Every structure is written in structure tokens, then in C-alpha cells.
Amino acid sequence: MNDRLLPEEEEEQAVEQALGDNPRAVELQELRHVLEERLKALQADLVATHEPEQRRALQAQVNELKRQIKVLKQEEAISDFVERSVRVSARRAALEEML
């Protein structure tokens, strides 16, 4: 029986190994989108609220979500870079084997 992985499977395995326990870029992007939707809702609540104490609490939540979104964007970019780098290296190695 052939235990050799298909090139795509090898590539995915290499990506998983390179990322370790870190999530893939697409997972981080999905999480970021959820937080961005939550941010929109909080900002709408902030506009609609006139009670100063409630506004301060909402503003604090808005600020924290913005910080989290910024961090997720950075992590997403790093994961995307790692994934692309691994794929390029794997494809380059495959091409060199063919030559």
C-alpha cells in the first residue's frame, strides 16, 4: 500500500506543523469578522444611549473590541504569511524534484 501523501496533503501537513497550536488565517479572519459585527452593534448602542455611566461602559467595551480586532488582524497577517511561505517552499521543492 502506498503511504505517500498527495502533494496537497503534504502541503497542508507542513502548514499545520509550521503553525503549531496557532490558528489558521481563515479562522482568525472569521473571528475578526464576528468581533467587527459586535463592534458595530456596540457603536450603535453607544449612539443611542444618553446615560453617561452607560456610555462610559459602552465606550470601554468599544475600545477593548477595537484592541482585540487590531491584535487579530496582526495574528491573521502572521498566520497568512506562514501559510503562504510554507506553500511556496513546498511547491518549489516539488518543482525541483520534477526537474
PDB file of N, CA and C in Angstrom:
ATOM      1  N   MET A   1       0.846  -1.193   0.000  1.00  0.00           N
ATOM      2  CA  MET A   1       0.000   0.000   0.000  1.00  0.00           C
ATOM      3  C   MET A   1       0.879   1.239   0.000  1.00  0.00           C
ATOM      4  N   ASN A   2       0.464   2.261  -0.697  1.00  0.00           N
ATOM      5  CA  ASN A   2       1.228   3.495  -0.827  1.00  0.00           C
ATOM      6  C   ASN A   2       0.917   4.426   0.340  1.00  0.00           C
ATOM      7  N   ASP A   3       1.927   4.674   1.184  1.00  0.00           N
ATOM      8  CA  ASP A   3       1.746   5.561   2.338  1.00  0.00           C
ATOM      9  C   ASP A   3       2.089   7.007   2.002  1.00  0.00           C
ATOM     10  N   ARG A   4       2.508   7.251   0.795  1.00  0.00           N
ATOM     11  CA  ARG A   4       2.899   8.602   0.385  1.00  0.00           C
ATOM     12  C   ARG A   4       1.656   9.481   0.297  1.00  0.00           C
ATOM     13  N   LEU A   5       1.767  10.677   0.874  1.00  0.00           N
ATOM     14  CA  LEU A   5       0.657  11.632   0.828  1.00  0.00           C
ATOM     15  C   LEU A   5       0.615  12.327  -0.523  1.00  0.00           C
ATOM     16  N   LEU A   6      -0.555  12.765  -0.898  1.00  0.00           N
ATOM     17  CA  LEU A   6      -0.691  13.586  -2.095  1.00  0.00           C
ATOM     18  C   LEU A   6       0.000  14.921  -1.830  1.00  0.00           C
ATOM     19  N   PRO A   7       0.455  15.606  -2.859  1.00  0.00           N
ATOM     20  CA  PRO A   7       1.145  16.885  -2.648  1.00  0.00           C
ATOM     21  C   PRO A   7       0.333  17.885  -1.821  1.00  0.00           C
ATOM     22  N   GLU A   8      -0.968  17.948  -2.057  1.00  0.00           N
ATOM     23  CA  GLU A   8      -1.811  18.876  -1.297  1.00  0.00           C
ATOM     24  C   GLU A   8      -1.843  18.504   0.177  1.00  0.00           C
ATOM     25  N   GLU A   9      -1.897  17.186   0.445  1.00  0.00           N
ATOM     26  CA  GLU A   9      -1.917  16.719   1.830  1.00  0.00           C
ATOM     27  C   GLU A   9      -0.588  17.011   2.521  1.00  0.00           C
ATOM     28  N   GLU A  10       0.507  16.815   1.787  1.00  0.00           N
ATOM     29  CA  GLU A  10       1.830  17.127   2.338  1.00  0.00           C
ATOM     30  C   GLU A  10       1.926  18.614   2.666  1.00  0.00           C
ATOM     31  N   GLU A  11       1.405  19.420   1.768  1.00  0.00           N
ATOM     32  CA  GLU A  11       1.424  20.863   1.950  1.00  0.00           C
ATOM     33  C   GLU A  11       0.637  21.256   3.200  1.00  0.00           C
ATOM     34  N   GLU A  12      -0.563  20.696   3.332  1.00  0.00           N
ATOM     35  CA  GLU A  12      -1.406  21.004   4.486  1.00  0.00           C
ATOM     36  C   GLU A  12      -0.761  20.533   5.783  1.00  0.00           C
ATOM     37  N   GLN A  13      -0.137  19.389   5.732  1.00  0.00           N
ATOM     38  CA  GLN A  13       0.549  18.861   6.910  1.00  0.00           C
ATOM     39  C   GLN A  13       1.714  19.782   7.289  1.00  0.00           C
ATOM     40  N   ALA A  14       2.434  20.277   6.308  1.00  0.00           N
ATOM     41  CA  ALA A  14       3.543  21.192   6.565  1.00  0.00           C
ATOM     42  C   ALA A  14       3.041  22.512   7.154  1.00  0.00           C
ATOM     43  N   VAL A  15       1.903  22.991   6.654  1.00  0.00           N
ATOM     44  CA  VAL A  15       1.315  24.220   7.189  1.00  0.00           C
ATOM     45  C   VAL A  15       0.923  24.013   8.648  1.00  0.00           C
ATOM     46  N   GLU A  16       0.261  22.905   8.929  1.00  0.00           N
ATOM     47  CA  GLU A  16      -0.152  22.612  10.306  1.00  0.00           C
ATOM     48  C   GLU A  16       1.049  22.533  11.232  1.00  0.00           C
ATOM     49  N   GLN A  17       2.105  21.910  10.754  1.00  0.00           N
ATOM     50  CA  GLN A  17       3.318  21.770  11.556  1.00  0.00           C
ATOM     51  C   GLN A  17       3.952  23.137  11.807  1.00  0.00           C
ATOM     52  N   ALA A  18       3.991  23.978  10.790  1.00  0.00           N
ATOM     53  CA  ALA A  18       4.588  25.309  10.935  1.00  0.00           C
ATOM     54  C   ALA A  18       3.785  26.190  11.884  1.00  0.00           C
ATOM     55  N   LEU A  19       2.465  26.084  11.828  1.00  0.00           N
ATOM     56  CA  LEU A  19       1.618  26.905  12.690  1.00  0.00           C
ATOM     57  C   LEU A  19       1.562  26.382  14.122  1.00  0.00           C
ATOM     58  N   GLY A  20       1.802  25.095  14.289  1.00  0.00           N
ATOM     59  CA  GLY A  20       1.731  24.513  15.632  1.00  0.00           C
ATOM     60  C   GLY A  20       0.324  24.631  16.179  1.00  0.00           C
ATOM     61  N   ASP A  21       0.208  25.185  17.370  1.00  0.00           N
ATOM     62  CA  ASP A  21      -1.098  25.343  18.012  1.00  0.00           C
ATOM     63  C   ASP A  21      -1.820  26.621  17.580  1.00  0.00           C
ATOM     64  N   ASN A  22      -1.185  27.410  16.756  1.00  0.00           N
ATOM     65  CA  ASN A  22      -1.790  28.668  16.321  1.00  0.00           C
ATOM     66  C   ASN A  22      -2.849  28.409  15.251  1.00  0.00           C
ATOM     67  N   PRO A  23      -3.924  29.194  15.277  1.00  0.00           N
ATOM     68  CA  PRO A  23      -4.991  29.007  14.281  1.00  0.00           C
ATOM     69  C   PRO A  23      -4.562  29.481  12.888  1.00  0.00           C
ATOM     70  N   ARG A  24      -5.248  28.961  11.909  1.00  0.00           N
ATOM     71  CA  ARG A  24      -5.015  29.381  10.522  1.00  0.00           C
ATOM     72  C   ARG A  24      -5.577  30.784  10.305  1.00  0.00           C
ATOM     73  N   ALA A  25      -5.097  31.428   9.268  1.00  0.00           N
ATOM     74  CA  ALA A  25      -5.513  32.798   8.964  1.00  0.00           C
ATOM     75  C   ALA A  25      -7.023  32.891   8.754  1.00  0.00           C
ATOM     76  N   VAL A  26      -7.606  31.920   8.094  1.00  0.00           N
ATOM     77  CA  VAL A  26      -9.047  31.959   7.815  1.00  0.00           C
ATOM     78  C   VAL A  26      -9.856  31.890   9.114  1.00  0.00           C
ATOM     79  N   GLU A  27      -9.375  31.129  10.093  1.00  0.00           N
ATOM     80  CA  GLU A  27     -10.064  31.046  11.376  1.00  0.00           C
ATOM     81  C   GLU A  27      -9.996  32.385  12.110  1.00  0.00           C
ATOM     82  N   LEU A  28      -8.830  33.010  12.051  1.00  0.00           N
ATOM     83  CA  LEU A  28      -8.670  34.320  12.685  1.00  0.00           C
ATOM     84  C   LEU A  28      -9.527  35.367  11.982  1.00  0.00           C
ATOM     85  N   GLN A  29      -9.615  35.268  10.666  1.00  0.00           N
ATOM     86  CA  GLN A  29     -10.442  36.189   9.900  1.00  0.00           C
ATOM     87  C   GLN A  29     -11.911  36.056  10.293  1.00  0.00           C
ATOM     88  N   GLU A  30     -12.379  34.825  10.439  1.00  0.00           N
ATOM     89  CA  GLU A  30     -13.769  34.598  10.839  1.00  0.00           C
ATOM     90  C   GLU A  30     -14.042  35.185  12.220  1.00  0.00           C
ATOM     91  N   LEU A  31     -13.125  34.965  13.140  1.00  0.00           N
ATOM     92  CA  LEU A  31     -13.271  35.516  14.482  1.00  0.00           C
ATOM     93  C   LEU A  31     -13.265  37.043  14.450  1.00  0.00           C
ATOM     94  N   ARG A  32     -12.379  37.598  13.633  1.00  0.00           N
ATOM     95  CA  ARG A  32     -12.310  39.058  13.498  1.00  0.00           C
ATOM     96  C   ARG A  32     -13.623  39.614  12.957  1.00  0.00           C
ATOM     97  N   HIS A  33     -14.213  38.938  11.992  1.00  0.00           N
ATOM     98  CA  HIS A  33     -15.493  39.390  11.432  1.00  0.00           C
ATOM     99  C   HIS A  33     -16.595  39.378  12.486  1.00  0.00           C
ATOM    100  N   VAL A  34     -16.589  38.358  13.331  1.00  0.00           N
ATOM    101  CA  VAL A  34     -17.576  38.292  14.416  1.00  0.00           C
ATOM    102  C   VAL A  34     -17.388  39.485  15.351  1.00  0.00           C
ATOM    103  N   LEU A  35     -16.145  39.766  15.695  1.00  0.00           N
ATOM    104  CA  LEU A  35     -15.878  40.896  16.587  1.00  0.00           C
ATOM    105  C   LEU A  35     -16.227  42.230  15.927  1.00  0.00           C
ATOM    106  N   GLU A  36     -16.004  42.339  14.637  1.00  0.00           N
ATOM    107  CA  GLU A  36     -16.360  43.576  13.933  1.00  0.00           C
ATOM    108  C   GLU A  36     -17.873  43.787  13.929  1.00  0.00           C
ATOM    109  N   GLU A  37     -18.623  42.712  13.790  1.00  0.00           N
ATOM    110  CA  GLU A  37     -20.093  42.825  13.854  1.00  0.00           C
ATOM    111  C   GLU A  37     -20.522  43.239  15.262  1.00  0.00           C
ATOM    112  N   ARG A  38     -19.885  42.652  16.250  1.00  0.00           N
ATOM    113  CA  ARG A  38     -20.188  43.018  17.643  1.00  0.00           C
ATOM    114  C   ARG A  38     -19.829  44.481  17.885  1.00  0.00           C
ATOM    115  N   LEU A  39     -18.743  44.930  17.317  1.00  0.00           N
ATOM    116  CA  LEU A  39     -18.331  46.329  17.453  1.00  0.00           C
ATOM    117  C   LEU A  39     -19.377  47.266  16.858  1.00  0.00           C
ATOM    118  N   LYS A  40     -19.893  46.925  15.693  1.00  0.00           N
ATOM    119  CA  LYS A  40     -20.937  47.742  15.064  1.00  0.00           C
ATOM    120  C   LYS A  40     -22.158  47.857  15.967  1.00  0.00           C
ATOM    121  N   ALA A  41     -22.540  46.732  16.568  1.00  0.00           N
ATOM    122  CA  ALA A  41     -23.702  46.738  17.457  1.00  0.00           C
ATOM    123  C   ALA A  41     -23.446  47.604  18.687  1.00  0.00           C
ATOM    124  N   LEU A  42     -22.264  47.492  19.262  1.00  0.00           N
ATOM    125  CA  LEU A  42     -21.932  48.312  20.432  1.00  0.00           C
ATOM    126  C   LEU A  42     -21.875  49.797  20.075  1.00  0.00           C
ATOM    127  N   GLN A  43     -21.353  50.106  18.912  1.00  0.00           N
ATOM    128  CA  GLN A  43     -21.291  51.504  18.488  1.00  0.00           C
ATOM    129  C   GLN A  43     -22.696  52.066  18.280  1.00  0.00           C
ATOM    130  N   ALA A  44     -23.601  51.252  17.767  1.00  0.00           N
ATOM    131  CA  ALA A  44     -24.997  51.683  17.612  1.00  0.00           C
ATOM    132  C   ALA A  44     -25.628  51.913  18.973  1.00  0.00           C
ATOM    133  N   ASP A  45     -25.340  51.020  19.914  1.00  0.00           N
ATOM    134  CA  ASP A  45     -25.841  51.197  21.279  1.00  0.00           C
ATOM    135  C   ASP A  45     -25.281  52.472  21.902  1.00  0.00           C
ATOM    136  N   LEU A  46     -24.033  52.741  21.636  1.00  0.00           N
ATOM    137  CA  LEU A  46     -23.380  53.934  22.174  1.00  0.00           C
ATOM    138  C   LEU A  46     -24.048  55.205  21.665  1.00  0.00           C
ATOM    139  N   VAL A  47     -24.370  55.230  20.385  1.00  0.00           N
ATOM    140  CA  VAL A  47     -25.048  56.380  19.788  1.00  0.00           C
ATOM    141  C   VAL A  47     -26.434  56.567  20.387  1.00  0.00           C
ATOM    142  N   ALA A  48     -27.105  55.457  20.649  1.00  0.00           N
ATOM    143  CA  ALA A  48     -28.488  55.514  21.140  1.00  0.00           C
ATOM    144  C   ALA A  48     -28.589  55.790  22.645  1.00  0.00           C
ATOM    145  N   THR A  49     -27.489  55.655  23.354  1.00  0.00           N
ATOM    146  CA  THR A  49     -27.511  55.800  24.811  1.00  0.00           C
ATOM    147  C   THR A  49     -27.106  57.210  25.217  1.00  0.00           C
ATOM    148  N   HIS A  50     -27.897  57.764  26.141  1.00  0.00           N
ATOM    149  CA  HIS A  50     -27.605  59.126  26.615  1.00  0.00           C
ATOM    150  C   HIS A  50     -27.170  59.140  28.080  1.00  0.00           C
ATOM    151  N   GLU A  51     -27.309  58.035  28.774  1.00  0.00           N
ATOM    152  CA  GLU A  51     -26.910  57.917  30.178  1.00  0.00           C
ATOM    153  C   GLU A  51     -25.378  57.880  30.261  1.00  0.00           C
ATOM    154  N   PRO A  52     -24.751  58.851  30.932  1.00  0.00           N
ATOM    155  CA  PRO A  52     -23.285  58.957  30.962  1.00  0.00           C
ATOM    156  C   PRO A  52     -22.562  57.695  31.464  1.00  0.00           C
ATOM    157  N   GLU A  53     -23.070  57.097  32.514  1.00  0.00           N
ATOM    158  CA  GLU A  53     -22.402  55.906  33.049  1.00  0.00           C
ATOM    159  C   GLU A  53     -22.458  54.741  32.064  1.00  0.00           C
ATOM    160  N   GLN A  54     -23.605  54.597  31.435  1.00  0.00           N
ATOM    161  CA  GLN A  54     -23.768  53.537  30.437  1.00  0.00           C
ATOM    162  C   GLN A  54     -22.900  53.817  29.210  1.00  0.00           C
ATOM    163  N   ARG A  55     -22.787  55.078  28.836  1.00  0.00           N
ATOM    164  CA  ARG A  55     -21.929  55.455  27.697  1.00  0.00           C
ATOM    165  C   ARG A  55     -20.465  55.126  27.991  1.00  0.00           C
ATOM    166  N   ARG A  56     -20.022  55.412  29.235  1.00  0.00           N
ATOM    167  CA  ARG A  56     -18.632  55.105  29.603  1.00  0.00           C
ATOM    168  C   ARG A  56     -18.373  53.595  29.514  1.00  0.00           C
ATOM    169  N   ALA A  57     -19.316  52.819  30.008  1.00  0.00           N
ATOM    170  CA  ALA A  57     -19.168  51.359  29.965  1.00  0.00           C
ATOM    171  C   ALA A  57     -19.138  50.859  28.518  1.00  0.00           C
ATOM    172  N   LEU A  58     -20.027  51.392  27.696  1.00  0.00           N
ATOM    173  CA  LEU A  58     -20.056  51.001  26.281  1.00  0.00           C
ATOM    174  C   LEU A  58     -18.782  51.432  25.570  1.00  0.00           C
ATOM    175  N   GLN A  59     -18.306  52.630  25.872  1.00  0.00           N
ATOM    176  CA  GLN A  59     -17.079  53.122  25.236  1.00  0.00           C
ATOM    177  C   GLN A  59     -15.889  52.246  25.617  1.00  0.00           C
ATOM    178  N   ALA A  60     -15.855  51.807  26.855  1.00  0.00           N
ATOM    179  CA  ALA A  60     -14.784  50.903  27.293  1.00  0.00           C
ATOM    180  C   ALA A  60     -14.846  49.588  26.507  1.00  0.00           C
ATOM    181  N   GLN A  61     -16.052  49.079  26.302  1.00  0.00           N
ATOM    182  CA  GLN A  61     -16.219  47.846  25.527  1.00  0.00           C
ATOM    183  C   GLN A  61     -15.804  48.053  24.072  1.00  0.00           C
ATOM    184  N   VAL A  62     -16.179  49.200  23.520  1.00  0.00           N
ATOM    185  CA  VAL A  62     -15.807  49.533  22.141  1.00  0.00           C
ATOM    186  C   VAL A  62     -14.288  49.587  22.020  1.00  0.00           C
ATOM    187  N   ASN A  63     -13.648  50.256  22.956  1.00  0.00           N
ATOM    188  CA  ASN A  63     -12.181  50.373  22.925  1.00  0.00           C
ATOM    189  C   ASN A  63     -11.514  49.007  23.020  1.00  0.00           C
ATOM    190  N   GLU A  64     -12.035  48.146  23.900  1.00  0.00           N
ATOM    191  CA  GLU A  64     -11.467  46.803  24.056  1.00  0.00           C
ATOM    192  C   GLU A  64     -11.663  45.973  22.790  1.00  0.00           C
ATOM    193  N   LEU A  65     -12.823  46.058  22.178  1.00  0.00           N
ATOM    194  CA  LEU A  65     -13.053  45.322  20.926  1.00  0.00           C
ATOM    195  C   LEU A  65     -12.133  45.815  19.819  1.00  0.00           C
ATOM    196  N   LYS A  66     -11.937  47.116  19.740  1.00  0.00           N
ATOM    197  CA  LYS A  66     -11.016  47.660  18.734  1.00  0.00           C
ATOM    198  C   LYS A  66      -9.603  47.120  18.944  1.00  0.00           C
ATOM    199  N   ARG A  67      -9.196  47.033  20.213  1.00  0.00           N
ATOM    200  CA  ARG A  67      -7.863  46.500  20.522  1.00  0.00           C
ATOM    201  C   ARG A  67      -7.779  45.029  20.095  1.00  0.00           C
ATOM    202  N   GLN A  68      -8.801  44.254  20.427  1.00  0.00           N
ATOM    203  CA  GLN A  68      -8.823  42.835  20.067  1.00  0.00           C
ATOM    204  C   GLN A  68      -8.813  42.637  18.550  1.00  0.00           C
ATOM    205  N   ILE A  69      -9.563  43.460  17.849  1.00  0.00           N
ATOM    206  CA  ILE A  69      -9.607  43.379  16.381  1.00  0.00           C
ATOM    207  C   ILE A  69      -8.236  43.689  15.795  1.00  0.00           C
ATOM    208  N   LYS A  70      -7.575  44.685  16.340  1.00  0.00           N
ATOM    209  CA  LYS A  70      -6.225  45.041  15.869  1.00  0.00           C
ATOM    210  C   LYS A  70      -5.261  43.873  16.059  1.00  0.00           C
ATOM    211  N   VAL A  71      -5.319  43.240  17.232  1.00  0.00           N
ATOM    212  CA  VAL A  71      -4.451  42.088  17.515  1.00  0.00           C
ATOM    213  C   VAL A  71      -4.775  40.938  16.567  1.00  0.00           C
ATOM    214  N   LEU A  72      -6.053  40.675  16.353  1.00  0.00           N
ATOM    215  CA  LEU A  72      -6.445  39.596  15.440  1.00  0.00           C
ATOM    216  C   LEU A  72      -5.958  39.859  14.020  1.00  0.00           C
ATOM    217  N   LYS A  73      -6.025  41.107  13.577  1.00  0.00           N
ATOM    218  CA  LYS A  73      -5.520  41.445  12.232  1.00  0.00           C
ATOM    219  C   LYS A  73      -4.040  41.127  12.127  1.00  0.00           C
ATOM    220  N   GLN A  74      -3.286  41.460  13.174  1.00  0.00           N
ATOM    221  CA  GLN A  74      -1.855  41.176  13.167  1.00  0.00           C
ATOM    222  C   GLN A  74      -1.589  39.674  13.153  1.00  0.00           C
ATOM    223  N   GLU A  75      -2.304  38.935  14.003  1.00  0.00           N
ATOM    224  CA  GLU A  75      -2.133  37.485  14.050  1.00  0.00           C
ATOM    225  C   GLU A  75      -2.556  36.841  12.738  1.00  0.00           C
ATOM    226  N   GLU A  76      -3.609  37.368  12.149  1.00  0.00           N
ATOM    227  CA  GLU A  76      -4.082  36.865  10.857  1.00  0.00           C
ATOM    228  C   GLU A  76      -3.010  37.063   9.785  1.00  0.00           C
ATOM    229  N   ALA A  77      -2.392  38.224   9.783  1.00  0.00           N
ATOM    230  CA  ALA A  77      -1.337  38.511   8.800  1.00  0.00           C
ATOM    231  C   ALA A  77      -0.137  37.584   9.002  1.00  0.00           C
ATOM    232  N   ILE A  78       0.215  37.333  10.243  1.00  0.00           N
ATOM    233  CA  ILE A  78       1.349  36.443  10.526  1.00  0.00           C
ATOM    234  C   ILE A  78       1.027  35.023  10.073  1.00  0.00           C
ATOM    235  N   SER A  79      -0.155  34.532  10.427  1.00  0.00           N
ATOM    236  CA  SER A  79      -0.548  33.177  10.020  1.00  0.00           C
ATOM    237  C   SER A  79      -0.610  33.055   8.503  1.00  0.00           C
ATOM    238  N   ASP A  80      -1.143  34.077   7.849  1.00  0.00           N
ATOM    239  CA  ASP A  80      -1.220  34.065   6.392  1.00  0.00           C
ATOM    240  C   ASP A  80       0.184  34.016   5.791  1.00  0.00           C
ATOM    241  N   PHE A  81       1.099  34.800   6.345  1.00  0.00           N
ATOM    242  CA  PHE A  81       2.483  34.798   5.859  1.00  0.00           C
ATOM    243  C   PHE A  81       3.114  33.418   6.025  1.00  0.00           C
ATOM    244  N   VAL A  82       2.930  32.813   7.189  1.00  0.00           N
ATOM    245  CA  VAL A  82       3.496  31.487   7.436  1.00  0.00           C
ATOM    246  C   VAL A  82       2.903  30.471   6.471  1.00  0.00           C
ATOM    247  N   GLU A  83       1.587  30.491   6.310  1.00  0.00           N
ATOM    248  CA  GLU A  83       0.932  29.544   5.411  1.00  0.00           C
ATOM    249  C   GLU A  83       1.434  29.696   3.982  1.00  0.00           C
ATOM    250  N   ARG A  84       1.508  30.934   3.514  1.00  0.00           N
ATOM    251  CA  ARG A  84       1.979  31.174   2.140  1.00  0.00           C
ATOM    252  C   ARG A  84       3.436  30.764   1.971  1.00  0.00           C
ATOM    253  N   SER A  85       4.253  31.065   2.965  1.00  0.00           N
ATOM    254  CA  SER A  85       5.677  30.711   2.897  1.00  0.00           C
ATOM    255  C   SER A  85       5.869  29.205   2.816  1.00  0.00           C
ATOM    256  N   VAL A  86       5.129  28.483   3.632  1.00  0.00           N
ATOM    257  CA  VAL A  86       5.229  27.020   3.625  1.00  0.00           C
ATOM    258  C   VAL A  86       4.780  26.469   2.279  1.00  0.00           C
ATOM    259  N   ARG A  87       3.680  26.996   1.767  1.00  0.00           N
ATOM    260  CA  ARG A  87       3.173  26.507   0.471  1.00  0.00           C
ATOM    261  C   ARG A  87       4.161  26.796  -0.663  1.00  0.00           C
ATOM    262  N   VAL A  88       4.740  27.973  -0.662  1.00  0.00           N
ATOM    263  CA  VAL A  88       5.722  28.323  -1.694  1.00  0.00           C
ATOM    264  C   VAL A  88       6.931  27.398  -1.603  1.00  0.00           C
ATOM    265  N   SER A  89       7.403  27.167  -0.385  1.00  0.00           N
ATOM    266  CA  SER A  89       8.556  26.278  -0.198  1.00  0.00           C
ATOM    267  C   SER A  89       8.235  24.865  -0.650  1.00  0.00           C
ATOM    268  N   ALA A  90       7.046  24.387  -0.307  1.00  0.00           N
ATOM    269  CA  ALA A  90       6.652  23.029  -0.698  1.00  0.00           C
ATOM    270  C   ALA A  90       6.535  22.911  -2.217  1.00  0.00           C
ATOM    271  N   ARG A  91       5.976  23.913  -2.838  1.00  0.00           N
ATOM    272  CA  ARG A  91       5.815  23.874  -4.300  1.00  0.00           C
ATOM    273  C   ARG A  91       7.157  23.999  -5.006  1.00  0.00           C
ATOM    274  N   ARG A  92       8.026  24.809  -4.448  1.00  0.00           N
ATOM    275  CA  ARG A  92       9.364  24.953  -5.023  1.00  0.00           C
ATOM    276  C   ARG A  92      10.099  23.617  -4.940  1.00  0.00           C
ATOM    277  N   ALA A  93      10.005  22.952  -3.791  1.00  0.00           N
ATOM    278  CA  ALA A  93      10.656  21.654  -3.626  1.00  0.00           C
ATOM    279  C   ALA A  93      10.077  20.635  -4.598  1.00  0.00           C
ATOM    280  N   ALA A  94       8.773  20.651  -4.791  1.00  0.00           N
ATOM    281  CA  ALA A  94       8.131  19.726  -5.730  1.00  0.00           C
ATOM    282  C   ALA A  94       8.593  19.984  -7.155  1.00  0.00           C
ATOM    283  N   LEU A  95       8.728  21.257  -7.509  1.00  0.00           N
ATOM    284  CA  LEU A  95       9.203  21.597  -8.858  1.00  0.00           C
ATOM    285  C   LEU A  95      10.650  21.168  -9.055  1.00  0.00           C
ATOM    286  N   GLU A  96      11.456  21.353  -8.033  1.00  0.00           N
ATOM    287  CA  GLU A  96      12.864  20.950  -8.132  1.00  0.00           C
ATOM    288  C   GLU A  96      12.995  19.437  -8.284  1.00  0.00           C
ATOM    289  N   GLU A  97      12.107  18.684  -7.630  1.00  0.00           N
ATOM    290  CA  GLU A  97      12.110  17.224  -7.762  1.00  0.00           C
ATOM    291  C   GLU A  97      11.758  16.811  -9.189  1.00  0.00           C
ATOM    292  N   MET A  98      10.888  17.596  -9.820  1.00  0.00           N
ATOM    293  CA  MET A  98      10.458  17.269 -11.179  1.00  0.00           C
ATOM    294  C   MET A  98      11.555  17.547 -12.198  1.00  0.00           C
ATOM    295  N   LEU A  99      12.444  18.469 -11.890  1.00  0.00           N
ATOM    296  CA  LEU A  99      13.485  18.845 -12.851  1.00  0.00           C
ATOM    297  C   LEU A  99      14.679  17.946 -12.813  1.00  0.00           C
TER     298      LEU A  99
END
